[in-house]
Structures are given as C-alpha cells and as structure tokens.
Amino acid sequence: MRPPAPVEAVIFDWGGTLTPWHDVDLTAAWYAYTSVYEPRRAASLAAELFAAEIQRWQDQHRSSGQSGAGRLDQVLLDCGIDITSGRHHAAMAAYLEFWNPHTHADPDAVPLLEALRARGIRVGVLSNTLWPRAHHEAVFERDGLLHLIDGAVYSSELPVGKPHLDAFHAALTAVGAHDPARAVFVGDRAWDDVHGAQQAGMRAILVPHSTIPADQLGPVQGSPDATVRRLGEVLGHVDRWNAEAAARAS
C-alpha cells in the first residue's frame, strides 16, 4: 500500500461544515420569497416551491449523485415564476435575507483557512447546492472567507453532485491539485463527503455535528480517516499527516 502523501490541498463542504448546521424551515424560507412575489397566494405558492425543491434533492439522492440537484432558478421555473421580473428580484432579496442568520461561517473557519494558507496548502470548496455561485460568494465575502478560497465548485454548475467522482475531480482541478492522495476533504456527511472523497482517492475528515435527514444518509456511510468535534481540529490532523510524510522522506 502506498504510504500517505503530504497534504497539499484541503477542500471543504459548505453547509454543515464551513457554516454550522441549522434546522431551517424551508417552507418559511419560501414564504419570505412568495410574500413579496405574490402576496395573495403566498402560502400555497411557498408550499409548491418547497415541494419542487425537495423533489430535486430527492432525485439527486435516489441517483447516488449521478445527477445534480439543479439550480434555484429551475425550482422557480418549475412553479411558473417569472425570473426576469422586478418582483422576482425583490422577492429573492427577501429570500436571502431570511437565510442570512443561517449562513454565517463557523467561528473556526477564518483562522483555520488562514493557517492552512500560511502552510502553503491550497483551500477549496465543494458544495451540493441549488444556489448560484454569486450567492455563495456574497456569503463568503461577508464572513471574510472569499479571499482565502483558491477554488470552489458548486453542484448548481455541474451535471452531477457529491458523491459522484466527477464532482470531486472538478474540485481538485479548481484548486490545482493533480494528485488526490495529496488532498483532504472535510465534510459533515458520511456518504456524500467521506465515502465520495475516499472513492476519489482523497483522505476524508468527518465533522459529525449535523442532523442529516434519514432519507439523505445514503447507502454507504464510509469510515473517515479522521473525525473532529469542531472545525478547528482539522489543522491538527493535517499537520500530523504532513509531519509523518516528512519523517518518512528524511
């Protein structure tokens, strides 16, 4: 067996990892949108949008990541929303305002990413998400993370999502990592994140602080290379692996 290589890149999941897990009422999130877009039938339209969103996530999980969950615009179009209208843009602002308190970065995120970058380790993000890149970059900019990320890949831009190998390969390419054995993935889901990353040849660190819905657990749970109880502990494992690799090389 090939001995573990030094770590040159660390790629993070977003929801539940770089940002702590929140139990969010998705219907309420859509109601924030519909109460602006079409107040007269805000409740029924919010229920339609919720159902359309859940259907897209379920389709992805049934296919084991073979297809992406799609884009937020597709959910809106499924329900007859005019995404070119001014009222859509006003409603989207209300939707994002609803999400604002649920998207703040983990307190360990900035110091961890700074420490990794200081060691010459590239930092990436790979997220299964309906949101467009612009929404994520606005969140990362707000929390002081955007300039610390060397490359990011979102399933809303891909035909597949985690745990599909192509999603991980895209993330490796985004951070300029040519050897998956020299990369680590950090996530909160044993199937999407741990199993998927290991199948791609990466090491995987599990942050098991999220309440994963039963229908999203996946058929394979995976066995992480390391488990941490808080995000900042990732650095200790990366340093240990690199120290072991250096010792072998000396």
C-alpha atoms as a PDB file:
ATOM      1  CA  MET A   1       0.000   0.000   0.000  1.00  0.00           C
ATOM      2  CA  ARG A   2       1.237   3.479  -0.900  1.00  0.00           C
ATOM      3  CA  PRO A   3       2.151   5.477   2.240  1.00  0.00           C
ATOM      4  CA  PRO A   4       0.082   8.620   2.851  1.00  0.00           C
ATOM      5  CA  ALA A   5       1.350  11.604   0.881  1.00  0.00           C
ATOM      6  CA  PRO A   6       1.782  15.106   2.285  1.00  0.00           C
ATOM      7  CA  VAL A   7      -1.325  17.279   2.182  1.00  0.00           C
ATOM      8  CA  GLU A   8      -1.240  19.969  -0.473  1.00  0.00           C
ATOM      9  CA  ALA A   9      -4.929  20.880  -0.598  1.00  0.00           C
ATOM     10  CA  VAL A  10      -7.895  20.808   1.769  1.00  0.00           C
ATOM     11  CA  ILE A  11     -11.381  21.031   0.248  1.00  0.00           C
ATOM     12  CA  PHE A  12     -14.416  21.795   2.393  1.00  0.00           C
ATOM     13  CA  ASP A  13     -18.115  21.150   2.176  1.00  0.00           C
ATOM     14  CA  TRP A  14     -20.168  24.282   2.862  1.00  0.00           C
ATOM     15  CA  GLY A  15     -23.478  23.715   4.676  1.00  0.00           C
ATOM     16  CA  GLY A  16     -22.900  21.913   7.962  1.00  0.00           C
ATOM     17  CA  THR A  17     -19.127  22.277   7.666  1.00  0.00           C
ATOM     18  CA  LEU A  18     -17.810  25.762   6.909  1.00  0.00           C
ATOM     19  CA  THR A  19     -21.131  27.053   8.174  1.00  0.00           C
ATOM     20  CA  PRO A  20     -22.681  25.201  11.143  1.00  0.00           C
ATOM     21  CA  TRP A  21     -25.758  23.067  10.646  1.00  0.00           C
ATOM     22  CA  HIS A  22     -29.074  24.845  11.170  1.00  0.00           C
ATOM     23  CA  ASP A  23     -32.513  23.272  11.237  1.00  0.00           C
ATOM     24  CA  VAL A  24     -34.294  25.558   8.791  1.00  0.00           C
ATOM     25  CA  ASP A  25     -37.988  25.598   7.922  1.00  0.00           C
ATOM     26  CA  LEU A  26     -37.692  25.579   4.133  1.00  0.00           C
ATOM     27  CA  THR A  27     -41.350  26.423   3.675  1.00  0.00           C
ATOM     28  CA  ALA A  28     -40.804  29.547   5.773  1.00  0.00           C
ATOM     29  CA  ALA A  29     -37.828  30.438   3.605  1.00  0.00           C
ATOM     30  CA  TRP A  30     -40.002  30.217   0.517  1.00  0.00           C
ATOM     31  CA  TYR A  31     -42.784  32.151   2.250  1.00  0.00           C
ATOM     32  CA  ALA A  32     -40.325  35.018   2.671  1.00  0.00           C
ATOM     33  CA  TYR A  33     -39.982  34.927  -1.110  1.00  0.00           C
ATOM     34  CA  THR A  34     -43.645  34.453  -2.030  1.00  0.00           C
ATOM     35  CA  SER A  35     -44.966  37.076   0.391  1.00  0.00           C
ATOM     36  CA  VAL A  36     -43.144  39.594  -1.789  1.00  0.00           C
ATOM     37  CA  TYR A  37     -43.579  37.937  -5.191  1.00  0.00           C
ATOM     38  CA  GLU A  38     -47.289  37.099  -4.929  1.00  0.00           C
ATOM     39  CA  PRO A  39     -48.792  38.018  -1.527  1.00  0.00           C
ATOM     40  CA  ARG A  40     -52.329  36.879  -2.406  1.00  0.00           C
ATOM     41  CA  ARG A  41     -51.278  33.237  -2.627  1.00  0.00           C
ATOM     42  CA  ALA A  42     -48.066  33.359  -0.658  1.00  0.00           C
ATOM     43  CA  ALA A  43     -48.780  30.273   1.448  1.00  0.00           C
ATOM     44  CA  SER A  44     -49.828  27.962  -1.403  1.00  0.00           C
ATOM     45  CA  LEU A  45     -47.007  29.107  -3.688  1.00  0.00           C
ATOM     46  CA  ALA A  46     -44.465  28.650  -0.872  1.00  0.00           C
ATOM     47  CA  ALA A  47     -45.722  25.071  -0.453  1.00  0.00           C
ATOM     48  CA  GLU A  48     -45.311  24.480  -4.211  1.00  0.00           C
ATOM     49  CA  LEU A  49     -41.755  25.831  -4.185  1.00  0.00           C
ATOM     50  CA  PHE A  50     -40.870  23.740  -1.142  1.00  0.00           C
ATOM     51  CA  ALA A  51     -42.195  20.595  -2.839  1.00  0.00           C
ATOM     52  CA  ALA A  52     -40.273  21.400  -6.040  1.00  0.00           C
ATOM     53  CA  GLU A  53     -37.052  21.932  -4.089  1.00  0.00           C
ATOM     54  CA  ILE A  54     -37.430  18.696  -2.110  1.00  0.00           C
ATOM     55  CA  GLN A  55     -38.192  16.782  -5.314  1.00  0.00           C
ATOM     56  CA  ARG A  56     -34.917  17.929  -6.858  1.00  0.00           C
ATOM     57  CA  TRP A  57     -32.924  16.906  -3.776  1.00  0.00           C
ATOM     58  CA  GLN A  58     -34.655  13.530  -3.645  1.00  0.00           C
ATOM     59  CA  ASP A  59     -33.936  12.931  -7.319  1.00  0.00           C
ATOM     60  CA  GLN A  60     -30.250  13.508  -6.683  1.00  0.00           C
ATOM     61  CA  HIS A  61     -30.086  11.195  -3.671  1.00  0.00           C
ATOM     62  CA  ARG A  62     -32.025   8.430  -5.431  1.00  0.00           C
ATOM     63  CA  SER A  63     -29.468   8.534  -8.248  1.00  0.00           C
ATOM     64  CA  SER A  64     -26.485   8.333  -5.838  1.00  0.00           C
ATOM     65  CA  GLY A  65     -25.178  11.667  -7.003  1.00  0.00           C
ATOM     66  CA  GLN A  66     -25.342  10.710 -10.687  1.00  0.00           C
ATOM     67  CA  SER A  67     -27.234  13.918 -11.367  1.00  0.00           C
ATOM     68  CA  GLY A  68     -27.020  17.285  -9.714  1.00  0.00           C
ATOM     69  CA  ALA A  69     -29.922  18.769  -7.799  1.00  0.00           C
ATOM     70  CA  GLY A  70     -30.143  21.523 -10.363  1.00  0.00           C
ATOM     71  CA  ARG A  71     -30.329  25.254  -9.840  1.00  0.00           C
ATOM     72  CA  LEU A  72     -32.507  27.530  -7.779  1.00  0.00           C
ATOM     73  CA  ASP A  73     -33.801  29.132 -10.974  1.00  0.00           C
ATOM     74  CA  GLN A  74     -35.030  25.719 -12.114  1.00  0.00           C
ATOM     75  CA  VAL A  75     -37.076  25.316  -8.925  1.00  0.00           C
ATOM     76  CA  LEU A  76     -38.634  28.717  -9.531  1.00  0.00           C
ATOM     77  CA  LEU A  77     -39.360  27.951 -13.172  1.00  0.00           C
ATOM     78  CA  ASP A  78     -40.952  24.642 -12.155  1.00  0.00           C
ATOM     79  CA  CYS A  79     -43.551  26.701 -10.295  1.00  0.00           C
ATOM     80  CA  GLY A  80     -44.176  29.247 -13.017  1.00  0.00           C
ATOM     81  CA  ILE A  81     -42.118  32.081 -11.542  1.00  0.00           C
ATOM     82  CA  ASP A  82     -41.075  34.851 -13.921  1.00  0.00           C
ATOM     83  CA  ILE A  83     -37.389  35.098 -13.008  1.00  0.00           C
ATOM     84  CA  THR A  84     -36.904  38.125 -15.274  1.00  0.00           C
ATOM     85  CA  SER A  85     -39.373  40.311 -13.393  1.00  0.00           C
ATOM     86  CA  GLY A  86     -38.609  43.070 -10.950  1.00  0.00           C
ATOM     87  CA  ARG A  87     -40.825  41.474  -8.312  1.00  0.00           C
ATOM     88  CA  HIS A  88     -38.750  38.283  -8.549  1.00  0.00           C
ATOM     89  CA  HIS A  89     -35.583  40.250  -7.776  1.00  0.00           C
ATOM     90  CA  ALA A  90     -37.287  41.938  -4.814  1.00  0.00           C
ATOM     91  CA  ALA A  91     -38.579  38.564  -3.604  1.00  0.00           C
ATOM     92  CA  MET A  92     -35.144  36.986  -3.957  1.00  0.00           C
ATOM     93  CA  ALA A  93     -33.705  39.722  -1.752  1.00  0.00           C
ATOM     94  CA  ALA A  94     -36.281  38.789   0.909  1.00  0.00           C
ATOM     95  CA  TYR A  95     -35.421  35.087   0.493  1.00  0.00           C
ATOM     96  CA  LEU A  96     -31.714  35.751   1.010  1.00  0.00           C
ATOM     97  CA  GLU A  97     -32.444  37.983   3.991  1.00  0.00           C
ATOM     98  CA  PHE A  98     -34.325  35.062   5.560  1.00  0.00           C
ATOM     99  CA  TRP A  99     -31.278  32.821   5.052  1.00  0.00           C
ATOM    100  CA  ASN A 100     -28.776  35.391   6.316  1.00  0.00           C
ATOM    101  CA  PRO A 101     -28.661  34.278  10.007  1.00  0.00           C
ATOM    102  CA  HIS A 102     -28.358  30.623   8.949  1.00  0.00           C
ATOM    103  CA  THR A 103     -25.303  31.031   6.720  1.00  0.00           C
ATOM    104  CA  HIS A 104     -22.683  32.615   8.969  1.00  0.00           C
ATOM    105  CA  ALA A 105     -19.319  30.869   8.966  1.00  0.00           C
ATOM    106  CA  ASP A 106     -18.170  28.661  11.811  1.00  0.00           C
ATOM    107  CA  PRO A 107     -16.013  30.754  14.200  1.00  0.00           C
ATOM    108  CA  ASP A 108     -13.090  28.422  13.430  1.00  0.00           C
ATOM    109  CA  ALA A 109     -13.345  28.900   9.662  1.00  0.00           C
ATOM    110  CA  VAL A 110     -11.272  32.044   9.137  1.00  0.00           C
ATOM    111  CA  PRO A 111      -8.379  31.104  11.452  1.00  0.00           C
ATOM    112  CA  LEU A 112      -8.320  27.562  10.039  1.00  0.00           C
ATOM    113  CA  LEU A 113      -8.203  28.680   6.426  1.00  0.00           C
ATOM    114  CA  GLU A 114      -5.589  31.318   7.255  1.00  0.00           C
ATOM    115  CA  ALA A 115      -3.438  28.682   8.957  1.00  0.00           C
ATOM    116  CA  LEU A 116      -3.731  26.308   6.007  1.00  0.00           C
ATOM    117  CA  ARG A 117      -2.815  29.040   3.538  1.00  0.00           C
ATOM    118  CA  ALA A 118       0.125  30.064   5.735  1.00  0.00           C
ATOM    119  CA  ARG A 119       1.439  26.498   5.386  1.00  0.00           C
ATOM    120  CA  GLY A 120       1.212  26.695   1.601  1.00  0.00           C
ATOM    121  CA  ILE A 121      -1.844  24.440   1.482  1.00  0.00           C
ATOM    122  CA  ARG A 122      -4.479  25.290  -1.101  1.00  0.00           C
ATOM    123  CA  VAL A 123      -8.072  25.675   0.071  1.00  0.00           C
ATOM    124  CA  GLY A 124     -11.180  24.683  -1.847  1.00  0.00           C
ATOM    125  CA  VAL A 125     -14.951  24.313  -1.517  1.00  0.00           C
ATOM    126  CA  LEU A 126     -17.241  21.651  -2.991  1.00  0.00           C
ATOM    127  CA  SER A 127     -20.917  22.010  -2.143  1.00  0.00           C
ATOM    128  CA  ASN A 128     -24.102  20.241  -3.172  1.00  0.00           C
ATOM    129  CA  THR A 129     -26.292  23.277  -3.592  1.00  0.00           C
ATOM    130  CA  LEU A 130     -29.109  24.793  -5.589  1.00  0.00           C
ATOM    131  CA  TRP A 131     -27.719  28.258  -5.073  1.00  0.00           C
ATOM    132  CA  PRO A 132     -25.736  30.022  -7.802  1.00  0.00           C
ATOM    133  CA  ARG A 133     -22.079  30.891  -7.266  1.00  0.00           C
ATOM    134  CA  ALA A 134     -22.894  34.557  -6.689  1.00  0.00           C
ATOM    135  CA  HIS A 135     -24.991  33.763  -3.587  1.00  0.00           C
ATOM    136  CA  HIS A 136     -22.176  31.733  -2.040  1.00  0.00           C
ATOM    137  CA  GLU A 137     -19.502  34.267  -2.867  1.00  0.00           C
ATOM    138  CA  ALA A 138     -21.575  37.016  -1.241  1.00  0.00           C
ATOM    139  CA  VAL A 139     -21.755  34.921   1.952  1.00  0.00           C
ATOM    140  CA  PHE A 140     -18.012  34.161   1.886  1.00  0.00           C
ATOM    141  CA  GLU A 141     -17.196  37.834   1.266  1.00  0.00           C
ATOM    142  CA  ARG A 142     -19.415  38.906   4.174  1.00  0.00           C
ATOM    143  CA  ASP A 143     -17.643  36.479   6.530  1.00  0.00           C
ATOM    144  CA  GLY A 144     -14.079  37.229   5.396  1.00  0.00           C
ATOM    145  CA  LEU A 145     -13.544  33.873   3.675  1.00  0.00           C
ATOM    146  CA  LEU A 146     -13.670  34.632  -0.033  1.00  0.00           C
ATOM    147  CA  HIS A 147     -10.032  35.703  -0.374  1.00  0.00           C
ATOM    148  CA  LEU A 148      -8.919  32.538   1.449  1.00  0.00           C
ATOM    149  CA  ILE A 149     -10.520  30.152  -1.066  1.00  0.00           C
ATOM    150  CA  ASP A 150      -8.377  29.104  -4.026  1.00  0.00           C
ATOM    151  CA  GLY A 151     -11.144  27.344  -5.919  1.00  0.00           C
ATOM    152  CA  ALA A 152     -14.804  26.491  -5.466  1.00  0.00           C
ATOM    153  CA  VAL A 153     -17.202  24.132  -7.225  1.00  0.00           C
ATOM    154  CA  TYR A 154     -20.975  24.114  -6.764  1.00  0.00           C
ATOM    155  CA  SER A 155     -23.272  21.325  -7.925  1.00  0.00           C
ATOM    156  CA  SER A 156     -25.603  24.008  -9.321  1.00  0.00           C
ATOM    157  CA  GLU A 157     -22.965  24.387 -12.044  1.00  0.00           C
ATOM    158  CA  LEU A 158     -22.424  20.641 -12.620  1.00  0.00           C
ATOM    159  CA  PRO A 159     -24.411  17.784 -14.157  1.00  0.00           C
ATOM    160  CA  VAL A 160     -23.582  15.722 -11.037  1.00  0.00           C
ATOM    161  CA  GLY A 161     -23.225  16.218  -7.281  1.00  0.00           C
ATOM    162  CA  LYS A 162     -21.410  14.541  -4.415  1.00  0.00           C
ATOM    163  CA  PRO A 163     -20.688  11.660  -4.014  1.00  0.00           C
ATOM    164  CA  HIS A 164     -20.121  11.359  -7.789  1.00  0.00           C
ATOM    165  CA  LEU A 165     -16.419  11.160  -8.647  1.00  0.00           C
ATOM    166  CA  ASP A 166     -16.717  13.904 -11.264  1.00  0.00           C
ATOM    167  CA  ALA A 167     -17.748  16.401  -8.592  1.00  0.00           C
ATOM    168  CA  PHE A 168     -14.619  15.680  -6.561  1.00  0.00           C
ATOM    169  CA  HIS A 169     -12.411  15.717  -9.652  1.00  0.00           C
ATOM    170  CA  ALA A 170     -13.825  19.130 -10.552  1.00  0.00           C
ATOM    171  CA  ALA A 171     -12.988  20.430  -7.075  1.00  0.00           C
ATOM    172  CA  LEU A 172      -9.443  19.059  -7.278  1.00  0.00           C
ATOM    173  CA  THR A 173      -8.976  20.773 -10.627  1.00  0.00           C
ATOM    174  CA  ALA A 174     -10.368  24.028  -9.240  1.00  0.00           C
ATOM    175  CA  VAL A 175      -7.628  24.189  -6.581  1.00  0.00           C
ATOM    176  CA  GLY A 176      -4.883  22.913  -8.883  1.00  0.00           C
ATOM    177  CA  ALA A 177      -4.471  19.588  -7.064  1.00  0.00           C
ATOM    178  CA  HIS A 178      -3.270  16.947  -9.521  1.00  0.00           C
ATOM    179  CA  ASP A 179      -2.894  14.061  -7.064  1.00  0.00           C
ATOM    180  CA  PRO A 180      -5.997  13.232  -4.984  1.00  0.00           C
ATOM    181  CA  ALA A 181      -3.776  11.388  -2.493  1.00  0.00           C
ATOM    182  CA  ARG A 182      -2.361  14.801  -1.562  1.00  0.00           C
ATOM    183  CA  ALA A 183      -5.789  16.278  -0.887  1.00  0.00           C
ATOM    184  CA  VAL A 184      -8.175  16.075   2.058  1.00  0.00           C
ATOM    185  CA  PHE A 185     -11.927  16.589   2.038  1.00  0.00           C
ATOM    186  CA  VAL A 186     -13.740  17.893   5.118  1.00  0.00           C
ATOM    187  CA  GLY A 187     -17.487  17.412   5.443  1.00  0.00           C
ATOM    188  CA  ASP A 188     -20.391  16.528   7.710  1.00  0.00           C
ATOM    189  CA  ARG A 189     -21.923  13.680   5.688  1.00  0.00           C
ATOM    190  CA  ALA A 190     -20.548  10.160   5.756  1.00  0.00           C
ATOM    191  CA  TRP A 191     -21.939   9.234   2.337  1.00  0.00           C
ATOM    192  CA  ASP A 192     -21.700  12.398   0.235  1.00  0.00           C
ATOM    193  CA  ASP A 193     -18.466  13.628   1.781  1.00  0.00           C
ATOM    194  CA  VAL A 194     -16.470  10.772   3.339  1.00  0.00           C
ATOM    195  CA  HIS A 195     -17.364   7.922   1.005  1.00  0.00           C
ATOM    196  CA  GLY A 196     -17.333  10.164  -2.060  1.00  0.00           C
ATOM    197  CA  ALA A 197     -13.939  11.690  -1.292  1.00  0.00           C
ATOM    198  CA  GLN A 198     -12.331   8.354  -0.492  1.00  0.00           C
ATOM    199  CA  GLN A 199     -13.660   6.843  -3.711  1.00  0.00           C
ATOM    200  CA  ALA A 200     -11.895   9.720  -5.488  1.00  0.00           C
ATOM    201  CA  GLY A 201      -8.615   8.821  -3.751  1.00  0.00           C
ATOM    202  CA  MET A 202      -8.674  11.595  -1.145  1.00  0.00           C
ATOM    203  CA  ARG A 203      -8.477  11.394   2.620  1.00  0.00           C
ATOM    204  CA  ALA A 204     -11.634  12.448   4.418  1.00  0.00           C
ATOM    205  CA  ILE A 205     -12.309  14.175   7.728  1.00  0.00           C
ATOM    206  CA  LEU A 206     -15.806  13.952   9.185  1.00  0.00           C
ATOM    207  CA  VAL A 207     -17.338  16.787  11.206  1.00  0.00           C
ATOM    208  CA  PRO A 208     -20.343  14.903  12.667  1.00  0.00           C
ATOM    209  CA  HIS A 209     -22.307  17.782  14.144  1.00  0.00           C
ATOM    210  CA  SER A 210     -25.169  17.904  11.637  1.00  0.00           C
ATOM    211  CA  THR A 211     -28.615  16.346  11.823  1.00  0.00           C
ATOM    212  CA  ILE A 212     -28.750  14.578   8.465  1.00  0.00           C
ATOM    213  CA  PRO A 213     -32.316  13.691   7.376  1.00  0.00           C
ATOM    214  CA  ALA A 214     -32.846   9.929   7.253  1.00  0.00           C
ATOM    215  CA  ASP A 215     -33.621   9.966   3.525  1.00  0.00           C
ATOM    216  CA  GLN A 216     -30.262  11.658   2.856  1.00  0.00           C
ATOM    217  CA  LEU A 217     -27.983   9.281   4.769  1.00  0.00           C
ATOM    218  CA  GLY A 218     -27.136   7.263   1.675  1.00  0.00           C
ATOM    219  CA  PRO A 219     -26.425   3.557   1.213  1.00  0.00           C
ATOM    220  CA  VAL A 220     -22.774   3.768   2.338  1.00  0.00           C
ATOM    221  CA  GLN A 221     -21.617   5.544   5.490  1.00  0.00           C
ATOM    222  CA  GLY A 222     -17.863   5.375   4.957  1.00  0.00           C
ATOM    223  CA  SER A 223     -15.083   5.257   7.530  1.00  0.00           C
ATOM    224  CA  PRO A 224     -13.349   8.642   7.848  1.00  0.00           C
ATOM    225  CA  ASP A 225      -9.594   8.969   8.065  1.00  0.00           C
ATOM    226  CA  ALA A 226     -10.208  11.309  10.993  1.00  0.00           C
ATOM    227  CA  THR A 227     -13.168  12.675  12.957  1.00  0.00           C
ATOM    228  CA  VAL A 228     -13.275  16.101  14.585  1.00  0.00           C
ATOM    229  CA  ARG A 229     -15.747  17.622  17.001  1.00  0.00           C
ATOM    230  CA  ARG A 230     -15.025  21.182  15.921  1.00  0.00           C
ATOM    231  CA  LEU A 231     -13.754  22.602  12.655  1.00  0.00           C
ATOM    232  CA  GLY A 232     -10.503  23.977  14.072  1.00  0.00           C
ATOM    233  CA  GLU A 233      -9.309  20.452  14.896  1.00  0.00           C
ATOM    234  CA  VAL A 234      -8.802  19.798  11.181  1.00  0.00           C
ATOM    235  CA  LEU A 235      -5.469  21.616  11.329  1.00  0.00           C
ATOM    236  CA  GLY A 236      -4.012  19.187  13.853  1.00  0.00           C
ATOM    237  CA  HIS A 237      -4.707  16.207  11.598  1.00  0.00           C
ATOM    238  CA  VAL A 238      -3.261  17.940   8.537  1.00  0.00           C
ATOM    239  CA  ASP A 239      -0.132  18.892  10.486  1.00  0.00           C
ATOM    240  CA  ARG A 240       0.219  15.336  11.787  1.00  0.00           C
ATOM    241  CA  TRP A 241      -0.092  13.807   8.335  1.00  0.00           C
ATOM    242  CA  ASN A 242       2.446  16.230   6.929  1.00  0.00           C
ATOM    243  CA  ALA A 243       4.858  15.606   9.791  1.00  0.00           C
ATOM    244  CA  GLU A 244       4.563  11.840   9.210  1.00  0.00           C
ATOM    245  CA  ALA A 245       5.179  12.301   5.498  1.00  0.00           C
ATOM    246  CA  ALA A 246       8.235  14.480   6.186  1.00  0.00           C
ATOM    247  CA  ALA A 247       9.623  11.921   8.613  1.00  0.00           C
ATOM    248  CA  ARG A 248       9.309   9.165   6.051  1.00  0.00           C
ATOM    249  CA  ALA A 249      11.055  11.275   3.454  1.00  0.00           C
ATOM    250  CA  SER A 250      14.032  12.173   5.690  1.00  0.00           C
END
